[in-house]
């Protein structure tokens, strides 16, 4: 039997996120303080 036309290759799966960085939480905290005005 003839082979079906070559199907478009499946899109590459989304890259797995890098392992959680212990400093990530701290960095987010610092960025939050910089972007959001401190509560007075």
N, C-alpha and C. Protein backbone atom coordinates (compact mmCIF):
# COMPACT_ATOMS: atom_id res chain seq x y z
N UNK A 1 0.85 -1.21 0.00
CA UNK A 1 0.00 0.00 0.00
C UNK A 1 0.87 1.25 0.00
N UNK A 2 0.47 2.25 -0.77
CA UNK A 2 1.29 3.49 -0.80
C UNK A 2 1.28 4.20 0.54
N UNK A 3 2.42 4.76 0.86
CA UNK A 3 2.51 5.48 2.14
C UNK A 3 1.73 6.79 2.04
N UNK A 4 1.06 7.20 3.12
CA UNK A 4 0.34 8.48 3.09
C UNK A 4 1.33 9.63 2.95
N UNK A 5 0.88 10.77 2.43
CA UNK A 5 1.81 11.91 2.29
C UNK A 5 2.44 12.24 3.63
N UNK A 6 3.70 12.66 3.58
CA UNK A 6 4.40 12.96 4.83
C UNK A 6 3.62 14.01 5.62
N UNK A 7 3.25 13.64 6.82
CA UNK A 7 2.50 14.59 7.65
C UNK A 7 3.44 15.64 8.22
N UNK A 8 2.89 16.80 8.46
CA UNK A 8 3.71 17.88 9.03
C UNK A 8 4.23 17.41 10.40
N UNK A 9 5.52 17.56 10.67
CA UNK A 9 6.05 17.11 11.97
C UNK A 9 5.34 17.82 13.11
N UNK A 10 5.09 17.09 14.18
CA UNK A 10 4.40 17.69 15.33
C UNK A 10 5.25 18.82 15.89
N UNK A 11 4.60 19.89 16.34
CA UNK A 11 5.37 21.01 16.91
C UNK A 11 6.16 20.54 18.13
N UNK A 12 7.32 21.11 18.31
CA UNK A 12 8.15 20.71 19.45
C UNK A 12 7.40 21.03 20.74
N UNK A 13 7.46 20.12 21.71
CA UNK A 13 6.77 20.39 22.99
C UNK A 13 7.35 21.62 23.66
N UNK A 14 6.53 22.28 24.45
CA UNK A 14 7.01 23.49 25.14
C UNK A 14 8.21 23.12 25.99
N UNK A 15 9.25 23.94 25.98
CA UNK A 15 10.43 23.63 26.79
C UNK A 15 10.06 23.56 28.27
N UNK A 16 10.65 22.59 28.95
CA UNK A 16 10.33 22.45 30.37
C UNK A 16 10.92 23.63 31.12
N UNK A 17 10.19 24.19 32.06
CA UNK A 17 10.72 25.35 32.80
C UNK A 17 11.97 24.95 33.57
N UNK A 18 12.90 25.86 33.74
CA UNK A 18 14.13 25.54 34.48
C UNK A 18 13.78 25.18 35.91
N UNK A 19 14.62 24.41 36.57
CA UNK A 19 14.35 24.05 37.97
C UNK A 19 14.17 25.30 38.82
N UNK A 20 13.29 25.19 39.81
CA UNK A 20 13.02 26.36 40.66
C UNK A 20 14.32 26.85 41.29
N UNK A 21 14.62 28.12 41.08
CA UNK A 21 15.84 28.70 41.65
C UNK A 21 15.54 29.17 43.06
N UNK A 22 16.33 28.78 44.03
CA UNK A 22 16.06 29.22 45.42
C UNK A 22 15.99 30.74 45.54
N UNK A 23 16.67 31.44 44.62
CA UNK A 23 16.67 32.90 44.70
C UNK A 23 15.46 33.49 43.96
N UNK A 24 14.76 32.64 43.18
CA UNK A 24 13.65 33.16 42.37
C UNK A 24 12.63 33.86 43.26
N UNK A 25 12.23 33.21 44.35
CA UNK A 25 11.24 33.82 45.23
C UNK A 25 11.73 35.16 45.75
N UNK A 26 13.00 35.21 46.12
CA UNK A 26 13.55 36.46 46.67
C UNK A 26 13.55 37.54 45.59
N UNK A 27 13.95 37.14 44.37
CA UNK A 27 13.99 38.12 43.29
C UNK A 27 12.59 38.67 43.03
N UNK A 28 11.60 37.77 43.02
CA UNK A 28 10.23 38.23 42.78
C UNK A 28 9.83 39.22 43.86
N UNK A 29 10.23 38.94 45.09
CA UNK A 29 9.87 39.83 46.20
C UNK A 29 10.47 41.21 45.95
N UNK A 30 11.75 41.21 45.54
CA UNK A 30 12.41 42.50 45.32
C UNK A 30 11.73 43.23 44.16
N UNK A 31 11.41 42.49 43.10
CA UNK A 31 10.77 43.14 41.95
C UNK A 31 9.40 43.68 42.35
N UNK A 32 8.69 42.93 43.18
CA UNK A 32 7.38 43.39 43.63
C UNK A 32 7.53 44.72 44.34
N UNK A 33 8.52 44.81 45.23
CA UNK A 33 8.71 46.04 45.98
C UNK A 33 9.08 47.19 45.06
N UNK A 34 9.76 46.88 43.95
CA UNK A 34 10.19 47.95 43.04
C UNK A 34 9.03 48.41 42.15
N UNK A 35 8.19 47.46 41.73
CA UNK A 35 7.12 47.82 40.80
C UNK A 35 5.91 48.35 41.54
N UNK A 36 5.63 47.79 42.72
CA UNK A 36 4.45 48.23 43.47
C UNK A 36 4.87 49.24 44.53
N UNK A 37 4.16 50.36 44.64
CA UNK A 37 4.53 51.35 45.67
C UNK A 37 4.31 50.77 47.05
N UNK A 38 5.18 51.07 47.99
CA UNK A 38 5.02 50.53 49.35
C UNK A 38 3.73 51.05 49.98
N UNK A 39 3.07 50.16 50.72
CA UNK A 39 1.82 50.59 51.38
C UNK A 39 2.17 51.54 52.51
N UNK A 40 1.50 52.66 52.56
CA UNK A 40 1.79 53.63 53.61
C UNK A 40 0.68 53.62 54.66
